[in-house]
């Protein structure tokens, strides 16, 4: 079947901003699907109107119910940039779709600010946690952020102040491309408006103060970057571990015995499209993992507070990578190995003699290679200084064929 769904991007200028062909397709539509704002822009028509409502799946079901008819989905700006285009292409397949974009919020905002889009970080907090902004804080950075609503600028200003970026300049671009277009600019520290127009995009020029909190994206963050109870994978070992886990786009990590979530948090910081599930039975440590995920800009970390391997029954899908740190045993490694997808990799770190025996048994049963990681750190020795050895880590790296 040829394409029967057309996704048409619409700006604040409504029908006036559409090409003649896009308007012809709308006029010929049998079903119009969109938000109330976009549907209100449409001319009088005999087409059936279907609102997304608050449940996106409602609209998807309506589209599927009209399969084979001329269905037009009305979207904001560029439907393929944090829009419905990618979601619908997964649900219905690209062959069913034709997509007609107009300049989206990012393109319009970059034009208003005079910024080069390749040099700007574009992100959305529409339906997503504001804490995701923390990942992108750095001196001199430029952000373009799709807001959730009119309260987002004030919340963002508060976040920036809390992180020591109070001198950053926020430009709130309201109703870009429409008759009500307006720009409000202020530093985060001077921001005073509780709300703005709900339809807004925020441009941020980041300025770091002397007390600013930000971290590099490289693996092996210092222990003080995390909230923990000293049961934590040390930064040198963590850097080696993440190099072996090697996160790739779209992959899923199971962090078994996650403790404060340091490995799974850094996995997500390294690859924006990856997923991570942290499994930790200790309530305090699970809370620390959630806190660390928010503070370090990856609130999408899924923390399961339960024992492993019993917790595995709560998880759908098959992991691409598994890290086993706390609570390591031969039995646990065997179950993890069984759940790992073919072609996946497992890394296990052991510091106790019992742990050493478990990883060696796993290596003997399923192959892999062992490494010994020995770290010494500078420490005071009376009035002088020396290198004090830390506990040696035996690391098993196994790839499942």
Protein backbone atom coordinates (compact mmCIF):
# COMPACT_ATOMS: atom_id res chain seq x y z
CA UNK A 1 0.00 0.00 0.00
CA UNK A 2 1.27 3.48 -0.84
CA UNK A 3 1.42 6.17 1.81
CA UNK A 4 -1.98 6.96 3.31
CA UNK A 5 -0.84 9.09 6.28
CA UNK A 6 0.53 12.58 5.66
CA UNK A 7 2.18 14.37 8.57
CA UNK A 8 2.13 18.11 7.97
CA UNK A 9 4.14 20.48 10.11
CA UNK A 10 2.41 23.74 10.99
CA UNK A 11 3.90 26.90 12.44
CA UNK A 12 2.32 29.75 14.37
CA UNK A 13 1.36 31.36 11.05
CA UNK A 14 -1.03 28.45 10.42
CA UNK A 15 -2.24 27.79 6.91
CA UNK A 16 -0.49 30.88 5.56
CA UNK A 17 2.88 29.21 6.18
CA UNK A 18 2.06 26.03 4.27
CA UNK A 19 2.97 25.19 0.72
CA UNK A 20 0.17 24.94 -1.87
CA UNK A 21 0.64 21.17 -1.96
CA UNK A 22 0.29 20.83 1.82
CA UNK A 23 -2.93 22.83 1.71
CA UNK A 24 -4.27 20.66 -1.12
CA UNK A 25 -3.60 17.54 0.95
CA UNK A 26 -5.43 19.05 3.94
CA UNK A 27 -8.40 20.02 1.77
CA UNK A 28 -8.59 16.45 0.41
CA UNK A 29 -8.21 14.75 3.82
CA UNK A 30 -10.85 12.34 5.08
CA UNK A 31 -9.50 12.35 8.64
CA UNK A 32 -7.62 15.17 10.43
CA UNK A 33 -5.67 14.21 13.55
CA UNK A 34 -4.00 16.78 15.79
CA UNK A 35 -4.06 18.90 18.91
CA UNK A 36 -6.96 21.26 19.52
CA UNK A 37 -4.79 24.28 18.62
CA UNK A 38 -3.87 22.89 15.21
CA UNK A 39 -7.36 21.62 14.46
CA UNK A 40 -8.74 25.09 15.17
CA UNK A 41 -6.55 26.48 12.36
CA UNK A 42 -8.17 24.25 9.74
CA UNK A 43 -10.70 25.54 7.18
CA UNK A 44 -14.26 24.26 7.12
CA UNK A 45 -14.11 20.68 5.86
CA UNK A 46 -16.09 17.46 5.76
CA UNK A 47 -13.09 15.57 7.19
CA UNK A 48 -13.50 13.83 10.52
CA UNK A 49 -11.51 15.62 13.26
CA UNK A 50 -9.70 13.57 15.90
CA UNK A 51 -7.94 15.28 18.81
CA UNK A 52 -4.88 13.72 20.45
CA UNK A 53 -6.33 14.61 23.84
CA UNK A 54 -4.09 13.77 26.79
CA UNK A 55 -3.48 10.22 25.61
CA UNK A 56 -1.20 9.91 22.56
CA UNK A 57 -2.31 6.31 22.11
CA UNK A 58 -5.87 7.55 21.52
CA UNK A 59 -4.71 9.31 18.37
CA UNK A 60 -2.67 6.31 17.24
CA UNK A 61 -5.69 4.03 17.64
CA UNK A 62 -7.80 6.47 15.66
CA UNK A 63 -5.27 6.52 12.84
CA UNK A 64 -5.15 2.74 12.76
CA UNK A 65 -8.95 2.56 12.70
CA UNK A 66 -8.92 4.60 9.49
CA UNK A 67 -6.19 2.66 7.72
CA UNK A 68 -6.36 3.09 3.96
CA UNK A 69 -8.23 6.41 4.10
CA UNK A 70 -6.63 9.82 3.52
CA UNK A 71 -5.38 10.64 7.01
CA UNK A 72 -3.60 13.93 7.75
CA UNK A 73 -1.73 14.35 11.03
CA UNK A 74 -1.13 17.95 12.05
CA UNK A 75 2.14 18.51 13.92
CA UNK A 76 4.24 21.40 15.18
CA UNK A 77 7.03 22.66 12.91
CA UNK A 78 9.39 19.86 11.99
CA UNK A 79 7.65 16.57 12.95
CA UNK A 80 10.99 14.72 12.93
CA UNK A 81 12.67 16.88 15.61
CA UNK A 82 11.20 15.79 18.97
CA UNK A 83 7.88 15.49 17.14
CA UNK A 84 5.35 12.79 16.27
CA UNK A 85 7.05 11.82 13.01
CA UNK A 86 9.55 9.37 14.46
CA UNK A 87 6.94 7.76 16.71
CA UNK A 88 4.44 7.26 13.92
CA UNK A 89 7.08 5.91 11.55
CA UNK A 90 7.83 3.21 14.15
CA UNK A 91 4.15 2.41 14.64
CA UNK A 92 3.08 2.36 10.98
CA UNK A 93 6.30 2.04 8.96
CA UNK A 94 7.85 4.66 6.72
CA UNK A 95 6.08 3.35 3.61
CA UNK A 96 2.74 4.42 5.09
CA UNK A 97 3.90 7.99 5.65
CA UNK A 98 4.60 11.19 3.81
CA UNK A 99 6.12 13.92 5.97
CA UNK A 100 5.99 17.62 5.06
CA UNK A 101 7.87 19.81 7.58
CA UNK A 102 8.06 23.55 8.02
CA UNK A 103 10.81 25.36 9.96
CA UNK A 104 10.68 24.06 13.52
CA UNK A 105 11.21 25.85 16.82
CA UNK A 106 14.95 25.17 16.83
CA UNK A 107 15.48 26.63 13.36
CA UNK A 108 13.36 29.67 14.18
CA UNK A 109 15.05 30.21 17.55
CA UNK A 110 18.53 29.91 16.03
CA UNK A 111 17.56 32.47 13.41
CA UNK A 112 16.25 34.86 16.08
CA UNK A 113 19.42 34.47 18.17
CA UNK A 114 21.88 34.45 15.25
CA UNK A 115 23.26 31.09 16.40
CA UNK A 116 24.66 28.31 14.23
CA UNK A 117 22.52 25.22 14.87
CA UNK A 118 25.43 22.72 14.65
CA UNK A 119 27.08 24.62 17.52
CA UNK A 120 24.01 24.58 19.77
CA UNK A 121 22.62 21.83 22.00
CA UNK A 122 18.95 21.25 21.20
CA UNK A 123 16.82 19.47 23.78
CA UNK A 124 13.27 19.22 25.03
CA UNK A 125 11.69 19.18 28.46
CA UNK A 126 8.21 18.83 26.98
CA UNK A 127 6.94 15.76 28.81
CA UNK A 128 10.44 15.09 30.15
CA UNK A 129 12.26 15.85 33.38
CA UNK A 130 13.84 19.30 33.66
CA UNK A 131 16.83 17.61 35.33
CA UNK A 132 17.96 16.44 31.89
CA UNK A 133 19.34 19.96 31.40
CA UNK A 134 22.03 19.19 34.03
CA UNK A 135 23.85 16.97 31.54
CA UNK A 136 24.50 19.96 29.27
CA UNK A 137 25.75 22.54 31.78
CA UNK A 138 29.17 23.90 30.88
CA UNK A 139 30.84 27.31 30.65
CA UNK A 140 30.07 29.05 27.37
CA UNK A 141 27.48 26.53 26.21
CA UNK A 142 24.39 27.47 24.24
CA UNK A 143 21.11 25.60 24.67
CA UNK A 144 17.80 25.69 22.83
CA UNK A 145 15.09 24.09 24.93
CA UNK A 146 11.50 23.22 24.03
CA UNK A 147 9.40 24.12 27.09
CA UNK A 148 6.67 22.08 28.73
CA UNK A 149 4.56 25.20 29.41
CA UNK A 150 4.74 28.78 30.64
CA UNK A 151 6.16 27.77 34.02
CA UNK A 152 9.27 26.17 32.50
CA UNK A 153 11.41 29.35 32.22
CA UNK A 154 11.07 30.13 35.94
CA UNK A 155 11.86 26.53 36.87
CA UNK A 156 14.88 26.56 34.55
CA UNK A 157 16.11 29.83 36.05
CA UNK A 158 15.88 28.27 39.53
CA UNK A 159 17.84 25.21 38.36
CA UNK A 160 20.58 27.38 36.85
CA UNK A 161 20.84 29.45 40.02
CA UNK A 162 21.10 26.29 42.11
CA UNK A 163 23.93 25.01 39.91
CA UNK A 164 25.93 28.25 40.05
CA UNK A 165 24.93 29.43 36.55
CA UNK A 166 22.92 32.43 37.74
CA UNK A 167 24.64 34.82 35.31
CA UNK A 168 23.38 32.79 32.34
CA UNK A 169 21.08 34.71 29.98
CA UNK A 170 17.65 33.25 29.23
CA UNK A 171 15.76 34.43 26.16
CA UNK A 172 12.19 33.14 26.12
CA UNK A 173 10.86 33.17 22.55
CA UNK A 174 7.06 33.14 22.59
CA UNK A 175 4.81 32.24 19.63
CA UNK A 176 7.63 32.40 17.08
CA UNK A 177 6.42 33.07 13.57
CA UNK A 178 2.99 34.27 14.67
CA UNK A 179 1.29 37.60 15.27
CA UNK A 180 1.92 37.33 19.02
CA UNK A 181 5.67 36.70 18.76
CA UNK A 182 7.55 38.13 21.73
CA UNK A 183 10.94 37.75 23.41
CA UNK A 184 11.68 38.06 27.12
CA UNK A 185 15.34 38.14 28.19
CA UNK A 186 16.94 38.13 31.63
CA UNK A 187 19.73 36.50 33.57
CA UNK A 188 18.68 33.48 35.61
CA UNK A 189 19.46 35.31 38.86
CA UNK A 190 17.20 38.23 37.90
CA UNK A 191 14.35 36.17 36.48
CA UNK A 192 11.08 37.36 38.07
CA UNK A 193 8.22 36.05 35.93
CA UNK A 194 6.33 33.09 37.35
CA UNK A 195 4.87 32.26 33.96
CA UNK A 196 5.13 33.15 30.28
CA UNK A 197 3.13 32.12 27.22
CA UNK A 198 2.73 28.34 27.22
CA UNK A 199 4.07 28.11 23.67
CA UNK A 200 7.71 29.09 24.11
CA UNK A 201 11.24 28.01 23.33
CA UNK A 202 14.12 29.00 25.62
CA UNK A 203 17.54 30.06 24.38
CA UNK A 204 20.22 29.90 27.08
CA UNK A 205 23.73 31.35 27.00
CA UNK A 206 25.48 29.55 29.85
CA UNK A 207 27.75 31.57 32.14
CA UNK A 208 29.44 29.68 34.96
CA UNK A 209 29.95 31.45 38.28
CA UNK A 210 32.82 30.64 40.68
CA UNK A 211 30.64 28.09 42.50
CA UNK A 212 29.22 26.48 39.36
CA UNK A 213 28.66 22.72 39.40
CA UNK A 214 29.32 20.89 36.14
CA UNK A 215 31.15 17.76 35.07
CA UNK A 216 32.81 16.50 31.87
CA UNK A 217 31.17 13.78 29.82
CA UNK A 218 34.28 11.59 30.02
CA UNK A 219 33.91 8.41 32.09
CA UNK A 220 35.48 8.10 35.51
CA UNK A 221 33.96 11.05 37.36
CA UNK A 222 35.43 11.69 40.82
CA UNK A 223 33.62 10.11 43.76
CA UNK A 224 32.51 13.54 44.99
CA UNK A 225 30.34 13.90 41.88
CA UNK A 226 28.01 11.31 43.43
CA UNK A 227 26.06 10.93 46.65
CA UNK A 228 27.16 7.62 48.15
CA UNK A 229 27.92 5.67 51.33
CA UNK A 230 31.53 4.83 50.37
CA UNK A 231 30.42 1.57 48.72
CA UNK A 232 31.24 2.92 45.30
CA UNK A 233 33.19 1.80 42.23
CA UNK A 234 36.26 4.04 42.35
CA UNK A 235 36.76 6.41 39.43
CA UNK A 236 39.82 4.65 37.95
CA UNK A 237 38.10 1.26 38.04
CA UNK A 238 34.87 2.81 36.77
CA UNK A 239 36.64 4.32 33.76
CA UNK A 240 38.11 0.92 32.82
CA UNK A 241 34.75 -0.77 33.41
CA UNK A 242 32.88 1.63 31.13
CA UNK A 243 35.51 1.22 28.43
CA UNK A 244 34.82 -2.53 28.51
CA UNK A 245 31.03 -2.08 28.60
CA UNK A 246 31.39 0.24 25.57
CA UNK A 247 27.90 1.82 25.32
CA UNK A 248 26.55 2.05 21.79
CA UNK A 249 23.48 3.94 20.50
CA UNK A 250 20.19 2.41 21.57
CA UNK A 251 21.72 -0.24 23.80
CA UNK A 252 20.44 -1.30 27.23
CA UNK A 253 22.59 -1.91 30.32
CA UNK A 254 21.61 -3.88 33.40
CA UNK A 255 23.62 -2.60 36.38
CA UNK A 256 23.25 -5.46 38.87
CA UNK A 257 24.02 -4.59 42.47
CA UNK A 258 24.13 -0.96 41.35
CA UNK A 259 24.89 0.66 44.70
CA UNK A 260 24.76 4.42 44.10
CA UNK A 261 24.31 3.88 40.36
CA UNK A 262 27.68 5.27 39.33
CA UNK A 263 28.24 2.88 36.42
CA UNK A 264 24.72 3.10 34.99
CA UNK A 265 24.65 6.90 35.39
CA UNK A 266 27.90 7.27 33.48
CA UNK A 267 26.72 4.77 30.83
CA UNK A 268 23.79 7.11 30.13
CA UNK A 269 25.98 10.23 30.16
CA UNK A 270 28.21 8.68 27.51
CA UNK A 271 25.42 7.74 25.09
CA UNK A 272 22.23 9.87 24.96
CA UNK A 273 20.17 7.20 23.18
CA UNK A 274 21.13 4.35 25.51
CA UNK A 275 19.00 2.92 28.32
CA UNK A 276 20.07 1.68 31.75
CA UNK A 277 18.36 -0.27 34.49
CA UNK A 278 19.94 -0.16 37.95
CA UNK A 279 19.03 -3.03 40.26
CA UNK A 280 19.75 -2.38 43.95
CA UNK A 281 18.13 -3.97 46.99
CA UNK A 282 19.31 -1.41 49.58
CA UNK A 283 16.76 1.39 49.97
CA UNK A 284 19.30 4.09 50.80
CA UNK A 285 21.58 3.21 47.90
CA UNK A 286 18.65 3.02 45.48
CA UNK A 287 17.64 6.52 46.61
CA UNK A 288 21.21 7.69 46.02
CA UNK A 289 21.12 6.23 42.51
CA UNK A 290 17.95 8.19 41.69
CA UNK A 291 19.47 11.36 43.17
CA UNK A 292 22.68 10.93 41.19
CA UNK A 293 20.79 10.32 37.96
CA UNK A 294 18.87 13.59 38.38
CA UNK A 295 21.85 15.68 39.47
CA UNK A 296 24.03 14.42 36.63
CA UNK A 297 21.39 14.95 33.96
CA UNK A 298 20.16 11.42 33.20
CA UNK A 299 16.79 11.18 35.01
CA UNK A 300 15.77 8.44 32.58
CA UNK A 301 17.74 5.90 34.66
CA UNK A 302 15.31 3.16 35.71
CA UNK A 303 16.04 2.12 39.32
CA UNK A 304 14.53 -1.15 40.54
CA UNK A 305 14.71 -1.61 44.30
CA UNK A 306 14.83 -5.39 44.62
CA UNK A 307 17.08 -8.41 44.96
CA UNK A 308 18.83 -9.85 41.94
CA UNK A 309 18.20 -12.15 40.18
CA UNK A 310 14.55 -12.14 41.36
CA UNK A 311 14.20 -8.60 39.99
CA UNK A 312 14.92 -9.82 36.47
CA UNK A 313 11.32 -11.07 36.18
CA UNK A 314 10.14 -7.43 36.37
CA UNK A 315 12.18 -6.41 33.32
CA UNK A 316 11.05 -6.77 29.73
CA UNK A 317 13.55 -7.31 26.97
CA UNK A 318 17.10 -8.57 26.79
CA UNK A 319 20.13 -6.50 27.83
CA UNK A 320 22.96 -5.68 25.45
CA UNK A 321 25.38 -5.33 28.36
CA UNK A 322 25.43 -6.38 32.02
CA UNK A 323 27.64 -5.06 34.79
CA UNK A 324 27.83 -7.01 38.03
CA UNK A 325 29.45 -5.28 40.97
CA UNK A 326 27.86 -5.69 44.39
CA UNK A 327 26.65 -9.03 45.71
CA UNK A 328 28.58 -11.03 43.14
CA UNK A 329 28.24 -14.84 43.22
CA UNK A 330 28.66 -17.73 40.79
CA UNK A 331 24.90 -18.32 40.79
CA UNK A 332 24.13 -14.68 40.00
CA UNK A 333 26.66 -14.58 37.17
CA UNK A 334 25.13 -17.70 35.64
CA UNK A 335 21.64 -16.19 35.63
CA UNK A 336 22.97 -12.92 34.19
CA UNK A 337 24.73 -14.80 31.44
CA UNK A 338 21.52 -16.63 30.54
CA UNK A 339 19.63 -13.32 30.23
CA UNK A 340 22.31 -11.56 28.16
CA UNK A 341 21.53 -11.32 24.45
CA UNK A 342 23.64 -13.13 21.91
CA UNK A 343 26.48 -10.79 20.95
CA UNK A 344 26.19 -8.92 24.25
CA UNK A 345 28.92 -8.41 26.82
CA UNK A 346 29.17 -8.86 30.56
CA UNK A 347 31.66 -7.21 32.91
CA UNK A 348 32.01 -8.40 36.50
CA UNK A 349 34.25 -6.81 39.14
CA UNK A 350 35.32 -8.80 42.18
CA UNK A 351 37.36 -7.69 45.20
CA UNK A 352 36.82 -10.56 47.66
CA UNK A 353 38.33 -14.03 47.44
CA UNK A 354 34.82 -15.45 47.08
CA UNK A 355 34.20 -13.03 44.24
CA UNK A 356 37.47 -14.06 42.59
CA UNK A 357 36.35 -17.69 42.71
CA UNK A 358 32.99 -16.79 41.17
CA UNK A 359 34.40 -14.88 38.18
CA UNK A 360 36.97 -17.62 37.56
CA UNK A 361 34.21 -20.24 37.56
CA UNK A 362 32.23 -18.10 35.12
CA UNK A 363 35.29 -17.74 32.89
CA UNK A 364 35.88 -21.49 32.93
CA UNK A 365 32.24 -22.21 32.05
CA UNK A 366 31.65 -19.60 29.35
CA UNK A 367 34.97 -18.09 28.39
CA UNK A 368 36.14 -14.51 28.61
CA UNK A 369 39.28 -12.84 29.83
CA UNK A 370 40.46 -11.73 33.25
CA UNK A 371 42.23 -8.52 34.16
CA UNK A 372 43.64 -7.29 37.45
CA UNK A 373 43.19 -3.61 38.24
CA UNK A 374 45.51 -2.26 40.91
CA UNK A 375 45.22 1.40 41.89
CA UNK A 376 47.29 3.39 44.35
CA UNK A 377 46.49 6.92 45.45
CA UNK A 378 48.61 9.56 47.10
CA UNK A 379 48.13 9.70 50.87
CA UNK A 380 49.83 11.24 53.87
CA UNK A 381 52.55 9.17 55.57
CA UNK A 382 53.28 11.19 58.66
CA UNK A 383 54.74 14.51 57.46
CA UNK A 384 55.43 13.03 54.01
CA UNK A 385 53.38 11.46 51.27
CA UNK A 386 53.25 8.07 49.60
CA UNK A 387 51.11 5.95 47.32
CA UNK A 388 48.63 3.85 49.30
CA UNK A 389 47.32 0.76 47.45
CA UNK A 390 43.56 0.26 47.19
CA UNK A 391 41.84 -3.13 47.06
CA UNK A 392 42.75 -4.99 43.88
CA UNK A 393 39.88 -5.66 41.48
CA UNK A 394 39.66 -8.82 39.40
CA UNK A 395 37.64 -8.00 36.29
CA UNK A 396 36.01 -10.52 33.97
CA UNK A 397 35.04 -9.42 30.47
CA UNK A 398 32.91 -11.92 28.54
CA UNK A 399 31.25 -11.62 25.14
CA UNK A 400 28.37 -13.98 24.42
CA UNK A 401 28.41 -15.61 20.99
